[in-house]
Amino acid sequence: ILNMYLNAVYYGNGYWGDVAAARGYFGVNPDELTWAEASLLAGLPQAPSAYDPIVHFALAKLRQRHVLDQLVANHYLSRAQADAAYTAALPLRGT
């Protein structure tokens, strides 16, 4: 079910599904995303236009921080790993 959702959800900028979003925003397949890239994409479906990283980068970064905080709270990442992901460069295409 989760795979079906990820393949159908809208990530903004005409990108439907995680494959299109990963390729469109970062030029890679989903399994090649860094934590920084994946956490940014994970925040987009809630409000793809509001969190559009091309147009509203600061808001997208705020949402990314929330995603990373949840990964820490649920013990998927340490605080240091989350902070490193937050400060990592995001090679967005189209910027």
PDB file of N, CA and C in Angstrom:
ATOM      1  N   ILE A   1       0.835  -1.187   0.000  1.00  0.00           N
ATOM      2  CA  ILE A   1       0.000   0.000   0.000  1.00  0.00           C
ATOM      3  C   ILE A   1       0.877   1.247   0.000  1.00  0.00           C
ATOM      4  N   LEU A   2       1.913   1.250   0.838  1.00  0.00           N
ATOM      5  CA  LEU A   2       2.793   2.418   0.887  1.00  0.00           C
ATOM      6  C   LEU A   2       3.454   2.649  -0.471  1.00  0.00           C
ATOM      7  N   ASN A   3       3.894   1.588  -1.116  1.00  0.00           N
ATOM      8  CA  ASN A   3       4.516   1.716  -2.434  1.00  0.00           C
ATOM      9  C   ASN A   3       3.535   2.306  -3.442  1.00  0.00           C
ATOM     10  N   MET A   4       2.279   1.885  -3.394  1.00  0.00           N
ATOM     11  CA  MET A   4       1.266   2.434  -4.299  1.00  0.00           C
ATOM     12  C   MET A   4       1.083   3.924  -4.029  1.00  0.00           C
ATOM     13  N   TYR A   5       1.057   4.314  -2.768  1.00  0.00           N
ATOM     14  CA  TYR A   5       0.903   5.724  -2.406  1.00  0.00           C
ATOM     15  C   TYR A   5       2.091   6.539  -2.915  1.00  0.00           C
ATOM     16  N   LEU A   6       3.301   6.067  -2.641  1.00  0.00           N
ATOM     17  CA  LEU A   6       4.490   6.803  -3.058  1.00  0.00           C
ATOM     18  C   LEU A   6       4.573   6.954  -4.569  1.00  0.00           C
ATOM     19  N   ASN A   7       4.033   5.986  -5.301  1.00  0.00           N
ATOM     20  CA  ASN A   7       4.045   6.051  -6.755  1.00  0.00           C
ATOM     21  C   ASN A   7       2.954   6.951  -7.323  1.00  0.00           C
ATOM     22  N   ALA A   8       2.018   7.389  -6.489  1.00  0.00           N
ATOM     23  CA  ALA A   8       0.888   8.169  -6.989  1.00  0.00           C
ATOM     24  C   ALA A   8       0.781   9.570  -6.399  1.00  0.00           C
ATOM     25  N   VAL A   9       1.428   9.835  -5.289  1.00  0.00           N
ATOM     26  CA  VAL A   9       1.277  11.113  -4.608  1.00  0.00           C
ATOM     27  C   VAL A   9       1.957  12.230  -5.412  1.00  0.00           C
ATOM     28  N   TYR A  10       1.423  13.444  -5.260  1.00  0.00           N
ATOM     29  CA  TYR A  10       1.945  14.602  -5.986  1.00  0.00           C
ATOM     30  C   TYR A  10       3.006  15.310  -5.159  1.00  0.00           C
ATOM     31  N   TYR A  11       4.161  15.559  -5.778  1.00  0.00           N
ATOM     32  CA  TYR A  11       5.293  16.221  -5.118  1.00  0.00           C
ATOM     33  C   TYR A  11       5.526  17.634  -5.639  1.00  0.00           C
ATOM     34  N   GLY A  12       4.628  18.129  -6.462  1.00  0.00           N
ATOM     35  CA  GLY A  12       4.781  19.474  -7.014  1.00  0.00           C
ATOM     36  C   GLY A  12       5.533  19.476  -8.335  1.00  0.00           C
ATOM     37  N   ASN A  13       5.469  20.597  -9.032  1.00  0.00           N
ATOM     38  CA  ASN A  13       6.172  20.810 -10.296  1.00  0.00           C
ATOM     39  C   ASN A  13       5.886  19.734 -11.343  1.00  0.00           C
ATOM     40  N   GLY A  14       4.697  19.148 -11.292  1.00  0.00           N
ATOM     41  CA  GLY A  14       4.306  18.128 -12.259  1.00  0.00           C
ATOM     42  C   GLY A  14       4.856  16.745 -11.967  1.00  0.00           C
ATOM     43  N   TYR A  15       5.456  16.544 -10.793  1.00  0.00           N
ATOM     44  CA  TYR A  15       6.046  15.258 -10.440  1.00  0.00           C
ATOM     45  C   TYR A  15       5.070  14.423  -9.624  1.00  0.00           C
ATOM     46  N   TRP A  16       4.577  13.374 -10.259  1.00  0.00           N
ATOM     47  CA  TRP A  16       3.682  12.427  -9.595  1.00  0.00           C
ATOM     48  C   TRP A  16       4.489  11.181  -9.273  1.00  0.00           C
ATOM     49  N   GLY A  17       4.572  10.838  -8.024  1.00  0.00           N
ATOM     50  CA  GLY A  17       5.294   9.649  -7.589  1.00  0.00           C
ATOM     51  C   GLY A  17       6.724   9.949  -7.201  1.00  0.00           C
ATOM     52  N   ASP A  18       7.260   9.058  -6.366  1.00  0.00           N
ATOM     53  CA  ASP A  18       8.599   9.265  -5.836  1.00  0.00           C
ATOM     54  C   ASP A  18       9.683   9.164  -6.898  1.00  0.00           C
ATOM     55  N   VAL A  19       9.488   8.332  -7.901  1.00  0.00           N
ATOM     56  CA  VAL A  19      10.490   8.204  -8.959  1.00  0.00           C
ATOM     57  C   VAL A  19      10.592   9.504  -9.747  1.00  0.00           C
ATOM     58  N   ALA A  20       9.453  10.035 -10.157  1.00  0.00           N
ATOM     59  CA  ALA A  20       9.457  11.301 -10.911  1.00  0.00           C
ATOM     60  C   ALA A  20      10.012  12.440 -10.069  1.00  0.00           C
ATOM     61  N   ALA A  21       9.671  12.476  -8.779  1.00  0.00           N
ATOM     62  CA  ALA A  21      10.152  13.550  -7.905  1.00  0.00           C
ATOM     63  C   ALA A  21      11.661  13.455  -7.699  1.00  0.00           C
ATOM     64  N   ALA A  22      12.166  12.266  -7.419  1.00  0.00           N
ATOM     65  CA  ALA A  22      13.608  12.098  -7.204  1.00  0.00           C
ATOM     66  C   ALA A  22      14.385  12.470  -8.460  1.00  0.00           C
ATOM     67  N   ARG A  23      13.894  12.016  -9.609  1.00  0.00           N
ATOM     68  CA  ARG A  23      14.573  12.332 -10.869  1.00  0.00           C
ATOM     69  C   ARG A  23      14.416  13.806 -11.233  1.00  0.00           C
ATOM     70  N   GLY A  24      13.219  14.339 -11.024  1.00  0.00           N
ATOM     71  CA  GLY A  24      12.959  15.723 -11.403  1.00  0.00           C
ATOM     72  C   GLY A  24      13.674  16.739 -10.541  1.00  0.00           C
ATOM     73  N   TYR A  25      13.661  16.541  -9.246  1.00  0.00           N
ATOM     74  CA  TYR A  25      14.298  17.497  -8.338  1.00  0.00           C
ATOM     75  C   TYR A  25      15.805  17.292  -8.206  1.00  0.00           C
ATOM     76  N   PHE A  26      16.244  16.007  -8.238  1.00  0.00           N
ATOM     77  CA  PHE A  26      17.650  15.729  -7.944  1.00  0.00           C
ATOM     78  C   PHE A  26      18.396  14.943  -9.023  1.00  0.00           C
ATOM     79  N   GLY A  27      17.694  14.455 -10.038  1.00  0.00           N
ATOM     80  CA  GLY A  27      18.356  13.728 -11.110  1.00  0.00           C
ATOM     81  C   GLY A  27      18.838  12.337 -10.734  1.00  0.00           C
ATOM     82  N   VAL A  28      18.213  11.744  -9.721  1.00  0.00           N
ATOM     83  CA  VAL A  28      18.594  10.398  -9.281  1.00  0.00           C
ATOM     84  C   VAL A  28      17.345   9.549  -9.063  1.00  0.00           C
ATOM     85  N   ASN A  29      17.539   8.253  -8.935  1.00  0.00           N
ATOM     86  CA  ASN A  29      16.446   7.355  -8.577  1.00  0.00           C
ATOM     87  C   ASN A  29      16.228   7.413  -7.070  1.00  0.00           C
ATOM     88  N   PRO A  30      15.036   7.042  -6.598  1.00  0.00           N
ATOM     89  CA  PRO A  30      14.752   7.117  -5.161  1.00  0.00           C
ATOM     90  C   PRO A  30      15.772   6.383  -4.284  1.00  0.00           C
ATOM     91  N   ASP A  31      16.282   5.249  -4.739  1.00  0.00           N
ATOM     92  CA  ASP A  31      17.239   4.506  -3.914  1.00  0.00           C
ATOM     93  C   ASP A  31      18.618   5.155  -3.866  1.00  0.00           C
ATOM     94  N   GLU A  32      18.815   6.231  -4.606  1.00  0.00           N
ATOM     95  CA  GLU A  32      20.082   6.958  -4.605  1.00  0.00           C
ATOM     96  C   GLU A  32      20.000   8.281  -3.828  1.00  0.00           C
ATOM     97  N   LEU A  33      18.837   8.590  -3.283  1.00  0.00           N
ATOM     98  CA  LEU A  33      18.668   9.835  -2.532  1.00  0.00           C
ATOM     99  C   LEU A  33      19.479   9.817  -1.243  1.00  0.00           C
ATOM    100  N   THR A  34      20.025  10.960  -0.896  1.00  0.00           N
ATOM    101  CA  THR A  34      20.664  11.121   0.407  1.00  0.00           C
ATOM    102  C   THR A  34      19.562  11.366   1.444  1.00  0.00           C
ATOM    103  N   TRP A  35      19.929  11.337   2.726  1.00  0.00           N
ATOM    104  CA  TRP A  35      18.955  11.666   3.766  1.00  0.00           C
ATOM    105  C   TRP A  35      18.450  13.094   3.576  1.00  0.00           C
ATOM    106  N   ALA A  36      19.324  13.983   3.173  1.00  0.00           N
ATOM    107  CA  ALA A  36      18.920  15.372   2.959  1.00  0.00           C
ATOM    108  C   ALA A  36      17.862  15.464   1.860  1.00  0.00           C
ATOM    109  N   GLU A  37      18.110  14.800   0.753  1.00  0.00           N
ATOM    110  CA  GLU A  37      17.179  14.841  -0.372  1.00  0.00           C
ATOM    111  C   GLU A  37      15.878  14.124  -0.041  1.00  0.00           C
ATOM    112  N   ALA A  38      15.985  12.944   0.560  1.00  0.00           N
ATOM    113  CA  ALA A  38      14.787  12.167   0.891  1.00  0.00           C
ATOM    114  C   ALA A  38      13.907  12.891   1.895  1.00  0.00           C
ATOM    115  N   SER A  39      14.523  13.525   2.892  1.00  0.00           N
ATOM    116  CA  SER A  39      13.726  14.231   3.900  1.00  0.00           C
ATOM    117  C   SER A  39      13.043  15.457   3.308  1.00  0.00           C
ATOM    118  N   LEU A  40      13.673  16.094   2.341  1.00  0.00           N
ATOM    119  CA  LEU A  40      13.021  17.222   1.681  1.00  0.00           C
ATOM    120  C   LEU A  40      11.811  16.724   0.893  1.00  0.00           C
ATOM    121  N   LEU A  41      12.000  15.654   0.128  1.00  0.00           N
ATOM    122  CA  LEU A  41      10.882  15.108  -0.659  1.00  0.00           C
ATOM    123  C   LEU A  41       9.759  14.608   0.236  1.00  0.00           C
ATOM    124  N   ALA A  42      10.088  14.014   1.363  1.00  0.00           N
ATOM    125  CA  ALA A  42       9.066  13.467   2.255  1.00  0.00           C
ATOM    126  C   ALA A  42       8.122  14.541   2.784  1.00  0.00           C
ATOM    127  N   GLY A  43       8.587  15.761   2.856  1.00  0.00           N
ATOM    128  CA  GLY A  43       7.740  16.840   3.352  1.00  0.00           C
ATOM    129  C   GLY A  43       6.848  17.471   2.314  1.00  0.00           C
ATOM    130  N   LEU A  44       7.085  17.202   1.047  1.00  0.00           N
ATOM    131  CA  LEU A  44       6.340  17.890  -0.006  1.00  0.00           C
ATOM    132  C   LEU A  44       4.876  17.489  -0.164  1.00  0.00           C
ATOM    133  N   PRO A  45       4.506  16.209  -0.050  1.00  0.00           N
ATOM    134  CA  PRO A  45       3.110  15.849  -0.332  1.00  0.00           C
ATOM    135  C   PRO A  45       2.068  16.558   0.533  1.00  0.00           C
ATOM    136  N   GLN A  46       2.424  17.008   1.721  1.00  0.00           N
ATOM    137  CA  GLN A  46       1.436  17.681   2.570  1.00  0.00           C
ATOM    138  C   GLN A  46       0.920  18.951   1.907  1.00  0.00           C
ATOM    139  N   ALA A  47       1.792  19.684   1.253  1.00  0.00           N
ATOM    140  CA  ALA A  47       1.402  20.928   0.569  1.00  0.00           C
ATOM    141  C   ALA A  47       2.434  21.217  -0.529  1.00  0.00           C
ATOM    142  N   PRO A  48       2.330  20.531  -1.664  1.00  0.00           N
ATOM    143  CA  PRO A  48       3.358  20.630  -2.696  1.00  0.00           C
ATOM    144  C   PRO A  48       3.598  22.047  -3.222  1.00  0.00           C
ATOM    145  N   SER A  49       2.584  22.853  -3.309  1.00  0.00           N
ATOM    146  CA  SER A  49       2.779  24.225  -3.791  1.00  0.00           C
ATOM    147  C   SER A  49       3.402  25.107  -2.725  1.00  0.00           C
ATOM    148  N   ALA A  50       2.946  24.973  -1.489  1.00  0.00           N
ATOM    149  CA  ALA A  50       3.466  25.794  -0.398  1.00  0.00           C
ATOM    150  C   ALA A  50       4.920  25.455  -0.080  1.00  0.00           C
ATOM    151  N   TYR A  51       5.274  24.171  -0.186  1.00  0.00           N
ATOM    152  CA  TYR A  51       6.630  23.735   0.148  1.00  0.00           C
ATOM    153  C   TYR A  51       7.501  23.531  -1.090  1.00  0.00           C
ATOM    154  N   ASP A  52       7.089  24.060  -2.220  1.00  0.00           N
ATOM    155  CA  ASP A  52       7.838  23.917  -3.464  1.00  0.00           C
ATOM    156  C   ASP A  52       9.276  24.389  -3.244  1.00  0.00           C
ATOM    157  N   PRO A  53      10.256  23.486  -3.329  1.00  0.00           N
ATOM    158  CA  PRO A  53      11.629  23.888  -3.028  1.00  0.00           C
ATOM    159  C   PRO A  53      12.254  24.805  -4.078  1.00  0.00           C
ATOM    160  N   ILE A  54      11.663  24.871  -5.240  1.00  0.00           N
ATOM    161  CA  ILE A  54      12.172  25.759  -6.284  1.00  0.00           C
ATOM    162  C   ILE A  54      11.727  27.196  -6.013  1.00  0.00           C
ATOM    163  N   VAL A  55      10.473  27.360  -5.586  1.00  0.00           N
ATOM    164  CA  VAL A  55       9.889  28.691  -5.379  1.00  0.00           C
ATOM    165  C   VAL A  55       9.964  29.138  -3.925  1.00  0.00           C
ATOM    166  N   HIS A  56       9.750  28.210  -3.004  1.00  0.00           N
ATOM    167  CA  HIS A  56       9.688  28.529  -1.570  1.00  0.00           C
ATOM    168  C   HIS A  56      10.717  27.692  -0.802  1.00  0.00           C
ATOM    169  N   PHE A  57      11.979  27.909  -1.112  1.00  0.00           N
ATOM    170  CA  PHE A  57      13.032  27.083  -0.526  1.00  0.00           C
ATOM    171  C   PHE A  57      13.050  27.160   0.999  1.00  0.00           C
ATOM    172  N   ALA A  58      12.882  28.339   1.567  1.00  0.00           N
ATOM    173  CA  ALA A  58      12.920  28.482   3.030  1.00  0.00           C
ATOM    174  C   ALA A  58      11.800  27.680   3.689  1.00  0.00           C
ATOM    175  N   LEU A  59      10.611  27.685   3.112  1.00  0.00           N
ATOM    176  CA  LEU A  59       9.504  26.890   3.665  1.00  0.00           C
ATOM    177  C   LEU A  59       9.769  25.397   3.503  1.00  0.00           C
ATOM    178  N   ALA A  60      10.346  25.020   2.368  1.00  0.00           N
ATOM    179  CA  ALA A  60      10.686  23.610   2.150  1.00  0.00           C
ATOM    180  C   ALA A  60      11.703  23.145   3.188  1.00  0.00           C
ATOM    181  N   LYS A  61      12.656  24.010   3.530  1.00  0.00           N
ATOM    182  CA  LYS A  61      13.651  23.669   4.538  1.00  0.00           C
ATOM    183  C   LYS A  61      13.015  23.539   5.931  1.00  0.00           C
ATOM    184  N   LEU A  62      12.044  24.386   6.236  1.00  0.00           N
ATOM    185  CA  LEU A  62      11.333  24.249   7.515  1.00  0.00           C
ATOM    186  C   LEU A  62      10.612  22.911   7.598  1.00  0.00           C
ATOM    187  N   ARG A  63       9.990  22.536   6.511  1.00  0.00           N
ATOM    188  CA  ARG A  63       9.281  21.258   6.465  1.00  0.00           C
ATOM    189  C   ARG A  63      10.279  20.102   6.555  1.00  0.00           C
ATOM    190  N   GLN A  64      11.416  20.241   5.886  1.00  0.00           N
ATOM    191  CA  GLN A  64      12.459  19.222   5.968  1.00  0.00           C
ATOM    192  C   GLN A  64      12.904  19.039   7.421  1.00  0.00           C
ATOM    193  N   ARG A  65      13.074  20.139   8.137  1.00  0.00           N
ATOM    194  CA  ARG A  65      13.474  20.067   9.543  1.00  0.00           C
ATOM    195  C   ARG A  65      12.461  19.265  10.340  1.00  0.00           C
ATOM    196  N   HIS A  66      11.174  19.482  10.087  1.00  0.00           N
ATOM    197  CA  HIS A  66      10.123  18.731  10.771  1.00  0.00           C
ATOM    198  C   HIS A  66      10.251  17.236  10.471  1.00  0.00           C
ATOM    199  N   VAL A  67      10.449  16.897   9.228  1.00  0.00           N
ATOM    200  CA  VAL A  67      10.609  15.486   8.839  1.00  0.00           C
ATOM    201  C   VAL A  67      11.811  14.886   9.563  1.00  0.00           C
ATOM    202  N   LEU A  68      12.927  15.589   9.560  1.00  0.00           N
ATOM    203  CA  LEU A  68      14.128  15.091  10.235  1.00  0.00           C
ATOM    204  C   LEU A  68      13.911  14.948  11.735  1.00  0.00           C
ATOM    205  N   ASP A  69      13.206  15.892  12.343  1.00  0.00           N
ATOM    206  CA  ASP A  69      12.896  15.793  13.773  1.00  0.00           C
ATOM    207  C   ASP A  69      12.067  14.545  14.071  1.00  0.00           C
ATOM    208  N   GLN A  70      11.145  14.221  13.186  1.00  0.00           N
ATOM    209  CA  GLN A  70      10.335  13.014  13.371  1.00  0.00           C
ATOM    210  C   GLN A  70      11.174  11.751  13.212  1.00  0.00           C
ATOM    211  N   LEU A  71      12.140  11.781  12.304  1.00  0.00           N
ATOM    212  CA  LEU A  71      13.040  10.640  12.147  1.00  0.00           C
ATOM    213  C   LEU A  71      13.884  10.436  13.403  1.00  0.00           C
ATOM    214  N   VAL A  72      14.277  11.511  14.044  1.00  0.00           N
ATOM    215  CA  VAL A  72      15.008  11.416  15.306  1.00  0.00           C
ATOM    216  C   VAL A  72      14.083  10.896  16.415  1.00  0.00           C
ATOM    217  N   ALA A  73      12.899  11.463  16.508  1.00  0.00           N
ATOM    218  CA  ALA A  73      11.952  11.059  17.553  1.00  0.00           C
ATOM    219  C   ALA A  73      11.584   9.581  17.458  1.00  0.00           C
ATOM    220  N   ASN A  74      11.589   9.049  16.241  1.00  0.00           N
ATOM    221  CA  ASN A  74      11.236   7.642  16.036  1.00  0.00           C
ATOM    222  C   ASN A  74      12.462   6.743  15.907  1.00  0.00           C
ATOM    223  N   HIS A  75      13.624   7.279  16.241  1.00  0.00           N
ATOM    224  CA  HIS A  75      14.880   6.529  16.334  1.00  0.00           C
ATOM    225  C   HIS A  75      15.378   5.960  15.010  1.00  0.00           C
ATOM    226  N   TYR A  76      15.087   6.650  13.904  1.00  0.00           N
ATOM    227  CA  TYR A  76      15.644   6.256  12.609  1.00  0.00           C
ATOM    228  C   TYR A  76      16.970   6.961  12.348  1.00  0.00           C
ATOM    229  N   LEU A  77      17.131   8.148  12.918  1.00  0.00           N
ATOM    230  CA  LEU A  77      18.359   8.922  12.797  1.00  0.00           C
ATOM    231  C   LEU A  77      18.746   9.461  14.169  1.00  0.00           C
ATOM    232  N   SER A  78      20.034   9.680  14.358  1.00  0.00           N
ATOM    233  CA  SER A  78      20.483  10.380  15.569  1.00  0.00           C
ATOM    234  C   SER A  78      20.315  11.880  15.319  1.00  0.00           C
ATOM    235  N   ARG A  79      20.381  12.674  16.377  1.00  0.00           N
ATOM    236  CA  ARG A  79      20.297  14.128  16.220  1.00  0.00           C
ATOM    237  C   ARG A  79      21.442  14.622  15.332  1.00  0.00           C
ATOM    238  N   ALA A  80      22.627  14.070  15.508  1.00  0.00           N
ATOM    239  CA  ALA A  80      23.781  14.483  14.692  1.00  0.00           C
ATOM    240  C   ALA A  80      23.553  14.154  13.218  1.00  0.00           C
ATOM    241  N   GLN A  81      22.994  12.981  12.934  1.00  0.00           N
ATOM    242  CA  GLN A  81      22.717  12.617  11.542  1.00  0.00           C
ATOM    243  C   GLN A  81      21.663  13.545  10.942  1.00  0.00           C
ATOM    244  N   ALA A  82      20.635  13.861  11.721  1.00  0.00           N
ATOM    245  CA  ALA A  82      19.582  14.755  11.237  1.00  0.00           C
ATOM    246  C   ALA A  82      20.132  16.155  10.984  1.00  0.00           C
ATOM    247  N   ASP A  83      20.957  16.633  11.883  1.00  0.00           N
ATOM    248  CA  ASP A  83      21.547  17.959  11.700  1.00  0.00           C
ATOM    249  C   ASP A  83      22.445  17.989  10.469  1.00  0.00           C
ATOM    250  N   ALA A  84      23.197  16.918  10.248  1.00  0.00           N
ATOM    251  CA  ALA A  84      24.060  16.838   9.064  1.00  0.00           C
ATOM    252  C   ALA A  84      23.216  16.819   7.792  1.00  0.00           C
ATOM    253  N   ALA A  85      22.107  16.102   7.815  1.00  0.00           N
ATOM    254  CA  ALA A  85      21.223  16.064   6.645  1.00  0.00           C
ATOM    255  C   ALA A  85      20.620  17.435   6.386  1.00  0.00           C
ATOM    256  N   TYR A  86      20.258  18.133   7.447  1.00  0.00           N
ATOM    257  CA  TYR A  86      19.652  19.458   7.297  1.00  0.00           C
ATOM    258  C   TYR A  86      20.625  20.464   6.689  1.00  0.00           C
ATOM    259  N   THR A  87      21.887  20.376   7.061  1.00  0.00           N
ATOM    260  CA  THR A  87      22.871  21.341   6.571  1.00  0.00           C
ATOM    261  C   THR A  87      23.531  20.906   5.263  1.00  0.00           C
ATOM    262  N   ALA A  88      23.269  19.692   4.814  1.00  0.00           N
ATOM    263  CA  ALA A  88      23.869  19.195   3.581  1.00  0.00           C
ATOM    264  C   ALA A  88      23.348  19.977   2.376  1.00  0.00           C
ATOM    265  N   ALA A  89      24.190  20.077   1.381  1.00  0.00           N
ATOM    266  CA  ALA A  89      23.802  20.746   0.130  1.00  0.00           C
ATOM    267  C   ALA A  89      22.681  19.964  -0.540  1.00  0.00           C
ATOM    268  N   LEU A  90      21.771  20.693  -1.150  1.00  0.00           N
ATOM    269  CA  LEU A  90      20.671  20.081  -1.898  1.00  0.00           C
ATOM    270  C   LEU A  90      20.824  20.480  -3.365  1.00  0.00           C
ATOM    271  N   PRO A  91      21.327  19.580  -4.188  1.00  0.00           N
ATOM    272  CA  PRO A  91      21.559  19.903  -5.590  1.00  0.00           C
ATOM    273  C   PRO A  91      20.270  19.885  -6.414  1.00  0.00           C
ATOM    274  N   LEU A  92      19.382  20.800  -6.110  1.00  0.00           N
ATOM    275  CA  LEU A  92      18.093  20.869  -6.805  1.00  0.00           C
ATOM    276  C   LEU A  92      18.304  21.241  -8.268  1.00  0.00           C
ATOM    277  N   ARG A  93      17.598  20.547  -9.116  1.00  0.00           N
ATOM    278  CA  ARG A  93      17.615  20.875 -10.528  1.00  0.00           C
ATOM    279  C   ARG A  93      16.600  21.983 -10.764  1.00  0.00           C
ATOM    280  N   GLY A  94      16.863  22.832 -11.720  1.00  0.00           N
ATOM    281  CA  GLY A  94      15.923  23.899 -12.045  1.00  0.00           C
ATOM    282  C   GLY A  94      16.054  25.118 -11.167  1.00  0.00           C
ATOM    283  N   THR A  95      17.122  25.190 -10.365  1.00  0.00           N
ATOM    284  CA  THR A  95      17.323  26.370  -9.525  1.00  0.00           C
ATOM    285  C   THR A  95      18.463  27.199 -10.068  1.00  0.00           C
TER     286      THR A  95
END
